Amino acid sequence: MSRKKRKIQREPVEPDFKYHNIAASVLIKNILKMGKLTKAENIFYRALDLIKEKTQQEPVSVFEKAIKNVKPLLEIKPRRVGGATYQVPVEVRHSRGVLLALRWILMYARQRKGQPMHVRLASEIIDASNNTGNSIKKKDDTHRMAEANKVFASYRW
């Protein structure tokens, strides 16, 4: 059995059909529950329509600005050295940063209660583009943890 390190080939992500944006396609796939793609697309596109209505700006640019604001630069990963486990700060690759940003935006949109999903998603995206909201707080917490554990950066692998 071969033990060589090989690069994992990932399937290329198709952009969504309306805005031709890859990040939008990834978010739609994350919204997806129980295989209902049309419902997930409707939630996302209605959220973008609401963003356009509320901000009077291009909704895709607001969405991309939100991703840019939420995307973390550092994260911590546990590393076992001897008997102790250290939280080691590591830099985040661009693709992983975008994925984390989308996950956090969706997670905190789902936690908001009392409104339809497209309204919650739109308000979380608007908050993230204005550098406020829970997803920005999550990014700041992640950076604060990485800063606090900067001592263990020498254990990076």
C-alpha atoms as a PDB file:
ATOM      1  CA  MET A   1       0.000   0.000   0.000  1.00  0.00           C
ATOM      2  CA  SER A   2       1.442   3.320  -1.091  1.00  0.00           C
ATOM      3  CA  ARG A   3       2.102   5.939   1.567  1.00  0.00           C
ATOM      4  CA  LYS A   4       3.142   8.744  -0.760  1.00  0.00           C
ATOM      5  CA  LYS A   5       1.685  12.163  -0.189  1.00  0.00           C
ATOM      6  CA  ARG A   6      -0.661  13.000  -2.994  1.00  0.00           C
ATOM      7  CA  LYS A   7      -2.569  16.138  -3.702  1.00  0.00           C
ATOM      8  CA  ILE A   8      -6.306  15.591  -3.461  1.00  0.00           C
ATOM      9  CA  GLN A   9      -8.084  16.428  -6.679  1.00  0.00           C
ATOM     10  CA  ARG A  10     -11.176  18.476  -5.922  1.00  0.00           C
ATOM     11  CA  GLU A  11     -14.135  18.723  -8.197  1.00  0.00           C
ATOM     12  CA  PRO A  12     -14.401  22.210  -9.670  1.00  0.00           C
ATOM     13  CA  VAL A  13     -17.374  24.175  -8.333  1.00  0.00           C
ATOM     14  CA  GLU A  14     -19.851  25.369 -10.930  1.00  0.00           C
ATOM     15  CA  PRO A  15     -20.893  29.029 -10.541  1.00  0.00           C
ATOM     16  CA  ASP A  16     -24.574  29.734  -9.938  1.00  0.00           C
ATOM     17  CA  PHE A  17     -26.710  30.339 -13.015  1.00  0.00           C
ATOM     18  CA  LYS A  18     -28.047  33.797 -12.134  1.00  0.00           C
ATOM     19  CA  TYR A  19     -24.979  35.765 -10.967  1.00  0.00           C
ATOM     20  CA  HIS A  20     -22.181  33.440 -12.225  1.00  0.00           C
ATOM     21  CA  ASN A  21     -20.541  33.588  -8.799  1.00  0.00           C
ATOM     22  CA  ILE A  22     -18.762  30.593  -7.269  1.00  0.00           C
ATOM     23  CA  ALA A  23     -19.178  31.787  -3.655  1.00  0.00           C
ATOM     24  CA  ALA A  24     -22.922  32.122  -4.244  1.00  0.00           C
ATOM     25  CA  SER A  25     -23.017  28.542  -5.526  1.00  0.00           C
ATOM     26  CA  VAL A  26     -21.162  27.286  -2.434  1.00  0.00           C
ATOM     27  CA  LEU A  27     -23.543  29.148  -0.105  1.00  0.00           C
ATOM     28  CA  ILE A  28     -26.566  27.713  -1.931  1.00  0.00           C
ATOM     29  CA  LYS A  29     -25.126  24.205  -1.454  1.00  0.00           C
ATOM     30  CA  ASN A  30     -24.644  24.951   2.274  1.00  0.00           C
ATOM     31  CA  ILE A  31     -28.221  26.218   2.628  1.00  0.00           C
ATOM     32  CA  LEU A  32     -29.422  22.986   1.017  1.00  0.00           C
ATOM     33  CA  LYS A  33     -31.414  20.703   3.321  1.00  0.00           C
ATOM     34  CA  MET A  34     -32.765  17.286   2.395  1.00  0.00           C
ATOM     35  CA  GLY A  35     -31.938  17.730  -1.299  1.00  0.00           C
ATOM     36  CA  LYS A  36     -34.264  20.669  -1.992  1.00  0.00           C
ATOM     37  CA  LEU A  37     -32.018  22.709  -4.280  1.00  0.00           C
ATOM     38  CA  THR A  38     -34.784  24.906  -5.709  1.00  0.00           C
ATOM     39  CA  LYS A  39     -35.839  25.953  -2.226  1.00  0.00           C
ATOM     40  CA  ALA A  40     -32.227  26.781  -1.287  1.00  0.00           C
ATOM     41  CA  GLU A  41     -31.786  28.833  -4.478  1.00  0.00           C
ATOM     42  CA  ASN A  42     -35.032  30.710  -3.787  1.00  0.00           C
ATOM     43  CA  ILE A  43     -33.866  31.569  -0.256  1.00  0.00           C
ATOM     44  CA  PHE A  44     -30.539  32.913  -1.532  1.00  0.00           C
ATOM     45  CA  TYR A  45     -31.917  34.884  -4.489  1.00  0.00           C
ATOM     46  CA  ARG A  46     -34.722  36.387  -2.389  1.00  0.00           C
ATOM     47  CA  ALA A  47     -32.092  37.401   0.184  1.00  0.00           C
ATOM     48  CA  LEU A  48     -30.081  39.157  -2.554  1.00  0.00           C
ATOM     49  CA  ASP A  49     -33.232  40.921  -3.789  1.00  0.00           C
ATOM     50  CA  LEU A  50     -33.859  42.109  -0.228  1.00  0.00           C
ATOM     51  CA  ILE A  51     -30.241  43.323   0.052  1.00  0.00           C
ATOM     52  CA  LYS A  52     -30.679  45.339  -3.149  1.00  0.00           C
ATOM     53  CA  GLU A  53     -33.914  46.810  -1.773  1.00  0.00           C
ATOM     54  CA  LYS A  54     -32.412  47.743   1.622  1.00  0.00           C
ATOM     55  CA  THR A  55     -28.968  49.017   0.593  1.00  0.00           C
ATOM     56  CA  GLN A  56     -29.611  50.416  -2.916  1.00  0.00           C
ATOM     57  CA  GLN A  57     -26.340  48.754  -3.979  1.00  0.00           C
ATOM     58  CA  GLU A  58     -25.399  45.864  -6.218  1.00  0.00           C
ATOM     59  CA  PRO A  59     -26.260  42.769  -4.101  1.00  0.00           C
ATOM     60  CA  VAL A  60     -23.342  40.644  -5.338  1.00  0.00           C
ATOM     61  CA  SER A  61     -20.819  43.334  -4.366  1.00  0.00           C
ATOM     62  CA  VAL A  62     -22.403  43.585  -0.885  1.00  0.00           C
ATOM     63  CA  PHE A  63     -22.225  39.768  -0.629  1.00  0.00           C
ATOM     64  CA  GLU A  64     -18.551  39.696  -1.677  1.00  0.00           C
ATOM     65  CA  LYS A  65     -17.710  42.529   0.735  1.00  0.00           C
ATOM     66  CA  ALA A  66     -19.370  40.540   3.536  1.00  0.00           C
ATOM     67  CA  ILE A  67     -17.253  37.484   2.677  1.00  0.00           C
ATOM     68  CA  LYS A  68     -14.097  39.622   2.599  1.00  0.00           C
ATOM     69  CA  ASN A  69     -14.922  41.098   6.019  1.00  0.00           C
ATOM     70  CA  VAL A  70     -15.736  37.750   7.670  1.00  0.00           C
ATOM     71  CA  LYS A  71     -12.897  35.706   6.128  1.00  0.00           C
ATOM     72  CA  PRO A  72     -10.354  34.821   8.857  1.00  0.00           C
ATOM     73  CA  LEU A  73      -6.616  35.150   8.304  1.00  0.00           C
ATOM     74  CA  LEU A  74      -5.602  32.847  11.180  1.00  0.00           C
ATOM     75  CA  GLU A  75      -7.143  29.879  12.950  1.00  0.00           C
ATOM     76  CA  ILE A  76      -5.994  27.500  15.658  1.00  0.00           C
ATOM     77  CA  LYS A  77      -5.442  23.788  15.252  1.00  0.00           C
ATOM     78  CA  PRO A  78      -4.715  21.361  18.080  1.00  0.00           C
ATOM     79  CA  ARG A  79      -1.229  19.818  17.981  1.00  0.00           C
ATOM     80  CA  ARG A  80      -0.223  17.028  20.340  1.00  0.00           C
ATOM     81  CA  VAL A  81       3.344  17.275  21.608  1.00  0.00           C
ATOM     82  CA  GLY A  82       4.353  14.728  24.222  1.00  0.00           C
ATOM     83  CA  GLY A  83       1.459  14.488  26.654  1.00  0.00           C
ATOM     84  CA  ALA A  84       0.159  18.007  26.100  1.00  0.00           C
ATOM     85  CA  THR A  85      -2.133  19.362  23.405  1.00  0.00           C
ATOM     86  CA  TYR A  86      -1.311  22.874  22.219  1.00  0.00           C
ATOM     87  CA  GLN A  87      -3.573  25.175  20.253  1.00  0.00           C
ATOM     88  CA  VAL A  88      -1.268  26.200  17.402  1.00  0.00           C
ATOM     89  CA  PRO A  89      -2.151  29.244  15.265  1.00  0.00           C
ATOM     90  CA  VAL A  90      -1.923  28.612  11.516  1.00  0.00           C
ATOM     91  CA  GLU A  91      -2.624  30.777   8.489  1.00  0.00           C
ATOM     92  CA  VAL A  92      -5.832  30.057   6.607  1.00  0.00           C
ATOM     93  CA  ARG A  93      -5.692  29.355   2.868  1.00  0.00           C
ATOM     94  CA  HIS A  94      -7.913  31.611   0.743  1.00  0.00           C
ATOM     95  CA  SER A  95     -10.352  28.852  -0.251  1.00  0.00           C
ATOM     96  CA  ARG A  96     -10.756  27.661   3.345  1.00  0.00           C
ATOM     97  CA  GLY A  97     -11.192  31.243   4.548  1.00  0.00           C
ATOM     98  CA  VAL A  98     -14.037  31.823   2.094  1.00  0.00           C
ATOM     99  CA  LEU A  99     -15.663  28.528   3.108  1.00  0.00           C
ATOM    100  CA  LEU A 100     -15.415  29.403   6.817  1.00  0.00           C
ATOM    101  CA  ALA A 101     -16.866  32.861   6.155  1.00  0.00           C
ATOM    102  CA  LEU A 102     -19.836  31.380   4.292  1.00  0.00           C
ATOM    103  CA  ARG A 103     -20.417  28.788   7.018  1.00  0.00           C
ATOM    104  CA  TRP A 104     -20.336  31.416   9.773  1.00  0.00           C
ATOM    105  CA  ILE A 105     -22.684  33.776   7.912  1.00  0.00           C
ATOM    106  CA  LEU A 106     -25.162  30.931   7.380  1.00  0.00           C
ATOM    107  CA  MET A 107     -24.830  29.625  10.947  1.00  0.00           C
ATOM    108  CA  TYR A 108     -25.588  33.007  12.506  1.00  0.00           C
ATOM    109  CA  ALA A 109     -28.390  33.667  10.014  1.00  0.00           C
ATOM    110  CA  ARG A 110     -30.004  30.400  11.137  1.00  0.00           C
ATOM    111  CA  GLN A 111     -29.649  31.413  14.791  1.00  0.00           C
ATOM    112  CA  ARG A 112     -31.679  34.591  14.255  1.00  0.00           C
ATOM    113  CA  LYS A 113     -35.295  33.762  15.008  1.00  0.00           C
ATOM    114  CA  GLY A 114     -38.724  35.155  14.227  1.00  0.00           C
ATOM    115  CA  GLN A 115     -38.334  35.871  10.505  1.00  0.00           C
ATOM    116  CA  PRO A 116     -38.234  33.897   7.255  1.00  0.00           C
ATOM    117  CA  MET A 117     -34.820  32.522   6.298  1.00  0.00           C
ATOM    118  CA  HIS A 118     -34.242  34.881   3.365  1.00  0.00           C
ATOM    119  CA  VAL A 119     -34.758  37.907   5.651  1.00  0.00           C
ATOM    120  CA  ARG A 120     -32.365  36.496   8.268  1.00  0.00           C
ATOM    121  CA  LEU A 121     -29.732  35.697   5.636  1.00  0.00           C
ATOM    122  CA  ALA A 122     -30.039  39.146   4.051  1.00  0.00           C
ATOM    123  CA  SER A 123     -29.689  40.927   7.388  1.00  0.00           C
ATOM    124  CA  GLU A 124     -26.635  38.828   8.352  1.00  0.00           C
ATOM    125  CA  ILE A 125     -24.970  39.577   4.991  1.00  0.00           C
ATOM    126  CA  ILE A 126     -25.710  43.309   5.364  1.00  0.00           C
ATOM    127  CA  ASP A 127     -24.354  43.292   8.936  1.00  0.00           C
ATOM    128  CA  ALA A 128     -21.212  41.455   7.803  1.00  0.00           C
ATOM    129  CA  SER A 129     -20.629  43.926   4.970  1.00  0.00           C
ATOM    130  CA  ASN A 130     -20.886  46.761   7.531  1.00  0.00           C
ATOM    131  CA  ASN A 131     -18.366  45.009   9.851  1.00  0.00           C
ATOM    132  CA  THR A 132     -20.987  44.292  12.519  1.00  0.00           C
ATOM    133  CA  GLY A 133     -22.957  41.199  13.476  1.00  0.00           C
ATOM    134  CA  ASN A 134     -22.242  37.804  14.967  1.00  0.00           C
ATOM    135  CA  SER A 135     -20.145  36.457  12.087  1.00  0.00           C
ATOM    136  CA  ILE A 136     -17.680  39.364  12.472  1.00  0.00           C
ATOM    137  CA  LYS A 137     -17.597  38.662  16.219  1.00  0.00           C
ATOM    138  CA  LYS A 138     -16.728  35.013  15.457  1.00  0.00           C
ATOM    139  CA  LYS A 139     -13.844  36.107  13.210  1.00  0.00           C
ATOM    140  CA  ASP A 140     -12.554  38.455  15.918  1.00  0.00           C
ATOM    141  CA  ASP A 141     -12.770  35.663  18.526  1.00  0.00           C
ATOM    142  CA  THR A 142     -10.817  33.341  16.227  1.00  0.00           C
ATOM    143  CA  HIS A 143      -8.121  35.978  15.700  1.00  0.00           C
ATOM    144  CA  ARG A 144      -7.999  36.715  19.447  1.00  0.00           C
ATOM    145  CA  MET A 145      -7.502  33.002  20.217  1.00  0.00           C
ATOM    146  CA  ALA A 146      -4.739  32.775  17.606  1.00  0.00           C
ATOM    147  CA  GLU A 147      -3.070  35.875  19.080  1.00  0.00           C
ATOM    148  CA  ALA A 148      -3.292  34.446  22.613  1.00  0.00           C
ATOM    149  CA  ASN A 149      -1.686  31.170  21.481  1.00  0.00           C
ATOM    150  CA  LYS A 150       1.004  32.810  19.369  1.00  0.00           C
ATOM    151  CA  VAL A 151       3.580  31.361  21.798  1.00  0.00           C
ATOM    152  CA  PHE A 152       2.943  27.899  20.357  1.00  0.00           C
ATOM    153  CA  ALA A 153       3.514  28.983  16.743  1.00  0.00           C
ATOM    154  CA  SER A 154       6.860  27.158  16.800  1.00  0.00           C
ATOM    155  CA  TYR A 155       4.949  23.838  16.952  1.00  0.00           C
ATOM    156  CA  ARG A 156       3.567  24.370  13.476  1.00  0.00           C
ATOM    157  CA  TRP A 157       4.047  21.328  11.229  1.00  0.00           C
END
